[in-house]
């Protein structure tokens, strides 16, 4: 009936073909498990490196702050920027400062 409709004949694969497919599946499965183990190991190493990086950053931050501790806040922040330390104020820490720019009426050109 299938052949009369123009389709291919359905056959069962030989045991040798099934064995090849099974071996390919097992190889792929083992390869995937190896990749997963490598990923977990890499993640653990990354966590260790992050801890070290955080300690280094904190150490540098503290040293720069200590070095510029005698300066006023605005100068301290300005000089710390040269070392890559950028202070970002939180919303509740921001001071409302109004910067008044000179008007053009006061300074005729």
N, C-alpha and C. Protein backbone atom coordinates (compact mmCIF):
# COMPACT_ATOMS: atom_id res chain seq x y z
N UNK A 1 0.83 -1.18 0.00
CA UNK A 1 0.00 0.00 0.00
C UNK A 1 0.89 1.26 0.00
N UNK A 2 1.95 1.24 0.76
CA UNK A 2 2.87 2.38 0.82
C UNK A 2 3.56 2.59 -0.52
N UNK A 3 4.01 1.51 -1.13
CA UNK A 3 4.70 1.60 -2.41
C UNK A 3 3.74 2.07 -3.50
N UNK A 4 2.47 1.66 -3.42
CA UNK A 4 1.50 2.05 -4.44
C UNK A 4 1.23 3.54 -4.40
N UNK A 5 1.45 4.20 -3.23
CA UNK A 5 1.27 5.65 -3.11
C UNK A 5 2.54 6.41 -3.50
N UNK A 6 3.60 5.69 -3.85
CA UNK A 6 4.83 6.33 -4.29
C UNK A 6 5.83 6.58 -3.18
N UNK A 7 5.59 6.07 -1.99
CA UNK A 7 6.52 6.24 -0.87
C UNK A 7 7.53 5.10 -0.85
N UNK A 8 8.56 5.29 -0.02
CA UNK A 8 9.58 4.25 0.11
C UNK A 8 9.09 3.14 1.03
N UNK A 9 9.67 2.01 0.86
CA UNK A 9 9.36 0.85 1.67
C UNK A 9 9.93 1.04 3.08
N UNK A 10 9.17 0.70 4.11
CA UNK A 10 9.65 0.79 5.48
C UNK A 10 10.39 -0.50 5.81
N UNK A 11 11.63 -0.34 6.26
CA UNK A 11 12.41 -1.51 6.66
C UNK A 11 13.00 -1.26 8.03
N UNK A 12 13.25 -2.30 8.75
CA UNK A 12 13.92 -2.19 10.03
C UNK A 12 15.43 -2.14 9.78
N UNK A 13 16.13 -1.28 10.54
CA UNK A 13 17.58 -1.23 10.34
C UNK A 13 18.24 -2.51 10.83
N UNK A 14 19.37 -2.79 10.25
CA UNK A 14 20.09 -3.99 10.67
C UNK A 14 20.67 -3.76 12.06
N UNK A 15 21.00 -4.83 12.73
CA UNK A 15 21.57 -4.74 14.07
C UNK A 15 22.91 -4.00 14.04
N UNK A 16 23.65 -4.14 12.96
CA UNK A 16 24.93 -3.46 12.83
C UNK A 16 24.73 -1.94 12.77
N UNK A 17 23.70 -1.50 12.04
CA UNK A 17 23.41 -0.08 11.93
C UNK A 17 22.94 0.48 13.28
N UNK A 18 22.11 -0.27 13.97
CA UNK A 18 21.65 0.16 15.30
C UNK A 18 22.84 0.26 16.25
N UNK A 19 23.77 -0.67 16.16
CA UNK A 19 24.95 -0.66 17.01
C UNK A 19 25.80 0.59 16.74
N UNK A 20 25.95 0.97 15.47
CA UNK A 20 26.72 2.16 15.10
C UNK A 20 26.04 3.41 15.67
N UNK A 21 24.72 3.49 15.51
CA UNK A 21 23.99 4.65 16.04
C UNK A 21 24.12 4.72 17.56
N UNK A 22 24.03 3.58 18.22
CA UNK A 22 24.14 3.53 19.68
C UNK A 22 25.54 3.98 20.12
N UNK A 23 26.57 3.52 19.44
CA UNK A 23 27.94 3.92 19.78
C UNK A 23 28.15 5.43 19.58
N UNK A 24 27.56 5.97 18.50
CA UNK A 24 27.64 7.42 18.28
C UNK A 24 26.94 8.17 19.41
N UNK A 25 25.80 7.66 19.84
CA UNK A 25 25.06 8.28 20.94
C UNK A 25 25.89 8.25 22.22
N UNK A 26 26.49 7.11 22.53
CA UNK A 26 27.30 6.98 23.75
C UNK A 26 28.49 7.93 23.69
N UNK A 27 29.16 8.01 22.55
CA UNK A 27 30.30 8.93 22.40
C UNK A 27 29.87 10.38 22.62
N UNK A 28 28.75 10.75 22.01
CA UNK A 28 28.24 12.11 22.17
C UNK A 28 27.84 12.38 23.61
N UNK A 29 27.24 11.41 24.26
CA UNK A 29 26.83 11.55 25.66
C UNK A 29 28.05 11.76 26.56
N UNK A 30 29.08 10.95 26.36
CA UNK A 30 30.31 11.09 27.16
C UNK A 30 30.97 12.44 26.91
N UNK A 31 30.98 12.87 25.64
CA UNK A 31 31.56 14.17 25.31
C UNK A 31 30.79 15.29 26.02
N UNK A 32 29.47 15.20 26.04
CA UNK A 32 28.64 16.20 26.71
C UNK A 32 28.91 16.22 28.20
N UNK A 33 29.03 15.07 28.81
CA UNK A 33 29.33 14.99 30.25
C UNK A 33 30.71 15.60 30.55
N UNK A 34 31.67 15.37 29.67
CA UNK A 34 33.00 15.97 29.85
C UNK A 34 32.91 17.49 29.77
N UNK A 35 32.15 17.99 28.81
CA UNK A 35 31.96 19.44 28.70
C UNK A 35 31.31 20.02 29.95
N UNK A 36 30.34 19.31 30.50
CA UNK A 36 29.67 19.78 31.71
C UNK A 36 30.63 19.82 32.89
N UNK A 37 31.48 18.82 33.02
CA UNK A 37 32.47 18.80 34.10
C UNK A 37 33.46 19.95 33.94
N UNK A 38 33.90 20.19 32.69
CA UNK A 38 34.81 21.31 32.42
C UNK A 38 34.16 22.64 32.77
N UNK A 39 32.88 22.78 32.45
CA UNK A 39 32.16 24.01 32.75
C UNK A 39 32.09 24.25 34.25
N UNK A 40 31.76 23.22 35.02
CA UNK A 40 31.68 23.35 36.47
C UNK A 40 33.04 23.71 37.05
N UNK A 41 34.09 23.06 36.56
CA UNK A 41 35.44 23.35 37.04
C UNK A 41 35.83 24.79 36.71
N UNK A 42 35.49 25.25 35.52
CA UNK A 42 35.79 26.63 35.11
C UNK A 42 35.02 27.63 35.96
N UNK A 43 33.78 27.33 36.27
CA UNK A 43 32.99 28.23 37.11
C UNK A 43 33.59 28.35 38.51
N UNK A 44 34.06 27.24 39.07
CA UNK A 44 34.69 27.27 40.39
C UNK A 44 35.97 28.10 40.35
N UNK A 45 36.76 27.93 39.30
CA UNK A 45 38.00 28.71 39.15
C UNK A 45 37.69 30.19 39.00
N UNK A 46 36.63 30.50 38.26
CA UNK A 46 36.22 31.89 38.07
C UNK A 46 35.81 32.52 39.40
N UNK A 47 35.12 31.79 40.23
CA UNK A 47 34.73 32.32 41.54
C UNK A 47 35.96 32.63 42.39
N UNK A 48 36.96 31.76 42.33
CA UNK A 48 38.21 32.01 43.06
C UNK A 48 38.90 33.27 42.54
N UNK A 49 38.95 33.40 41.21
CA UNK A 49 39.59 34.58 40.61
C UNK A 49 38.83 35.85 40.94
N UNK A 50 37.51 35.78 41.00
CA UNK A 50 36.72 36.96 41.36
C UNK A 50 37.02 37.41 42.78
N UNK A 51 37.18 36.44 43.68
CA UNK A 51 37.53 36.79 45.06
C UNK A 51 38.87 37.51 45.11
N UNK A 52 39.84 37.00 44.36
CA UNK A 52 41.16 37.64 44.32
C UNK A 52 41.07 39.03 43.70
N UNK A 53 40.30 39.16 42.63
CA UNK A 53 40.16 40.45 41.97
C UNK A 53 39.48 41.46 42.89
N UNK A 54 38.46 41.02 43.62
CA UNK A 54 37.79 41.91 44.56
C UNK A 54 38.75 42.39 45.65
N UNK A 55 39.60 41.50 46.12
CA UNK A 55 40.57 41.88 47.15
C UNK A 55 41.57 42.90 46.61
N UNK A 56 42.02 42.70 45.38
CA UNK A 56 42.97 43.64 44.76
C UNK A 56 42.32 45.00 44.56
N UNK A 57 41.10 45.00 44.06
CA UNK A 57 40.39 46.26 43.84
C UNK A 57 40.18 47.00 45.15
N UNK A 58 39.76 46.28 46.19
CA UNK A 58 39.56 46.91 47.49
C UNK A 58 40.86 47.47 48.03
N UNK A 59 41.95 46.74 47.87
CA UNK A 59 43.25 47.20 48.35
C UNK A 59 43.68 48.48 47.64
N UNK A 60 43.55 48.51 46.31
CA UNK A 60 43.92 49.70 45.54
C UNK A 60 43.02 50.88 45.93
N UNK A 61 41.74 50.62 46.06
CA UNK A 61 40.78 51.67 46.44
C UNK A 61 41.17 52.28 47.78
N UNK A 62 41.45 51.43 48.75
CA UNK A 62 41.80 51.92 50.09
C UNK A 62 43.11 52.70 50.08
N UNK A 63 44.08 52.24 49.31
CA UNK A 63 45.37 52.94 49.24
C UNK A 63 45.21 54.32 48.61
N UNK A 64 44.45 54.42 47.54
CA UNK A 64 44.25 55.71 46.88
C UNK A 64 43.47 56.65 47.80
N UNK A 65 42.44 56.14 48.46
CA UNK A 65 41.68 56.98 49.39
C UNK A 65 42.56 57.46 50.53
N UNK A 66 43.39 56.58 51.04
CA UNK A 66 44.28 56.96 52.14
C UNK A 66 45.28 58.03 51.67
N UNK A 67 45.78 57.89 50.45
CA UNK A 67 46.77 58.82 49.92
C UNK A 67 46.18 60.23 49.78
N UNK A 68 44.91 60.30 49.35
CA UNK A 68 44.27 61.59 49.14
C UNK A 68 43.36 62.00 50.30
N UNK A 69 43.50 61.39 51.44
CA UNK A 69 42.61 61.65 52.58
C UNK A 69 42.72 63.09 53.09
N UNK A 70 43.85 63.72 52.92
CA UNK A 70 44.04 65.06 53.46
C UNK A 70 43.41 66.14 52.58
N UNK A 71 43.02 65.81 51.38
CA UNK A 71 42.42 66.78 50.46
C UNK A 71 40.93 66.93 50.71
N UNK A 72 40.35 68.06 50.30
CA UNK A 72 38.89 68.21 50.38
C UNK A 72 38.21 67.20 49.45
N UNK A 73 36.92 66.95 49.71
CA UNK A 73 36.19 65.90 48.97
C UNK A 73 36.25 66.09 47.46
N UNK A 74 36.00 67.30 46.97
CA UNK A 74 35.97 67.49 45.52
C UNK A 74 37.35 67.26 44.89
N UNK A 75 38.40 67.71 45.55
CA UNK A 75 39.77 67.50 45.03
C UNK A 75 40.16 66.03 45.13
N UNK A 76 39.74 65.40 46.23
CA UNK A 76 40.04 63.98 46.42
C UNK A 76 39.41 63.15 45.30
N UNK A 77 38.17 63.44 44.98
CA UNK A 77 37.48 62.71 43.91
C UNK A 77 38.13 62.97 42.55
N UNK A 78 38.51 64.20 42.34
CA UNK A 78 39.14 64.57 41.07
C UNK A 78 40.49 63.85 40.89
N UNK A 79 41.30 63.84 41.95
CA UNK A 79 42.61 63.16 41.87
C UNK A 79 42.46 61.64 41.82
N UNK A 80 41.48 61.11 42.52
CA UNK A 80 41.26 59.66 42.51
C UNK A 80 40.84 59.18 41.12
N UNK A 81 40.20 60.07 40.36
CA UNK A 81 39.78 59.71 39.01
C UNK A 81 40.98 59.37 38.13
N UNK A 82 42.14 59.99 38.42
CA UNK A 82 43.35 59.69 37.66
C UNK A 82 43.79 58.23 37.85
N UNK A 83 43.43 57.64 38.98
CA UNK A 83 43.78 56.24 39.27
C UNK A 83 42.66 55.28 38.89
N UNK A 84 41.60 55.81 38.30
CA UNK A 84 40.50 54.97 37.86
C UNK A 84 39.40 54.80 38.88
N UNK A 85 39.47 55.52 39.99
CA UNK A 85 38.43 55.44 41.01
C UNK A 85 37.38 56.49 40.70
N UNK A 86 36.20 56.06 40.41
CA UNK A 86 35.11 56.97 40.10
C UNK A 86 34.03 56.79 41.15
N UNK A 87 33.72 57.87 41.84
CA UNK A 87 32.69 57.83 42.86
C UNK A 87 31.34 58.09 42.20
N UNK A 88 30.39 57.24 42.50
CA UNK A 88 29.04 57.41 41.99
C UNK A 88 28.14 57.58 43.20
N UNK A 89 27.48 58.70 43.26
CA UNK A 89 26.62 58.97 44.39
C UNK A 89 25.27 58.30 44.20
N UNK A 90 24.72 57.78 45.29
CA UNK A 90 23.38 57.22 45.25
C UNK A 90 22.38 58.36 45.27
N UNK A 91 21.13 58.06 44.97
CA UNK A 91 20.12 59.10 44.91
C UNK A 91 20.02 59.87 46.22
N UNK A 92 20.07 59.14 47.34
CA UNK A 92 19.93 59.82 48.63
C UNK A 92 21.21 60.54 49.04
N UNK A 93 22.32 60.32 48.37
CA UNK A 93 23.58 60.98 48.70
C UNK A 93 23.83 62.23 47.87
N UNK A 94 23.10 62.37 46.80
CA UNK A 94 23.35 63.50 45.91
C UNK A 94 22.94 64.79 46.60
N UNK A 95 23.81 65.75 46.53
CA UNK A 95 23.51 67.07 47.06
C UNK A 95 23.00 67.92 45.91
N UNK A 96 21.95 68.61 46.20
CA UNK A 96 21.40 69.47 45.17
C UNK A 96 22.24 70.73 45.10
N UNK A 97 22.99 70.81 44.05
CA UNK A 97 23.80 72.00 43.84
C UNK A 97 23.32 72.68 42.59
N UNK A 98 23.13 73.94 42.68
CA UNK A 98 22.66 74.71 41.54
C UNK A 98 23.86 75.43 40.96
N UNK A 99 24.17 75.11 39.74
CA UNK A 99 25.28 75.75 39.05
C UNK A 99 24.70 76.90 38.24
N UNK A 100 25.10 78.09 38.59
CA UNK A 100 24.60 79.25 37.87
C UNK A 100 25.64 79.68 36.86
N UNK A 101 25.24 79.70 35.62
CA UNK A 101 26.14 80.12 34.57
C UNK A 101 25.94 81.61 34.33
N UNK A 102 27.01 82.31 34.01
CA UNK A 102 26.86 83.75 33.77
C UNK A 102 25.97 84.01 32.56
N UNK A 103 25.13 84.98 32.70
CA UNK A 103 24.22 85.29 31.60
C UNK A 103 24.95 86.13 30.57
N UNK A 104 24.46 86.14 29.36
CA UNK A 104 25.10 86.90 28.29
C UNK A 104 24.84 88.38 28.43
N UNK A 105 23.78 88.74 29.19
CA UNK A 105 23.48 90.16 29.38
C UNK A 105 24.54 90.83 30.24
N UNK A 106 25.15 90.09 31.17
CA UNK A 106 26.18 90.64 32.04
C UNK A 106 27.48 90.84 31.30
N UNK A 107 27.77 90.04 30.31
CA UNK A 107 29.03 90.10 29.57
C UNK A 107 28.76 90.39 28.11
N UNK A 108 28.61 91.64 27.73
CA UNK A 108 28.38 91.91 26.30
C UNK A 108 29.62 91.61 25.48
N UNK A 109 29.42 91.08 24.33
CA UNK A 109 30.53 90.71 23.47
C UNK A 109 30.82 91.79 22.48
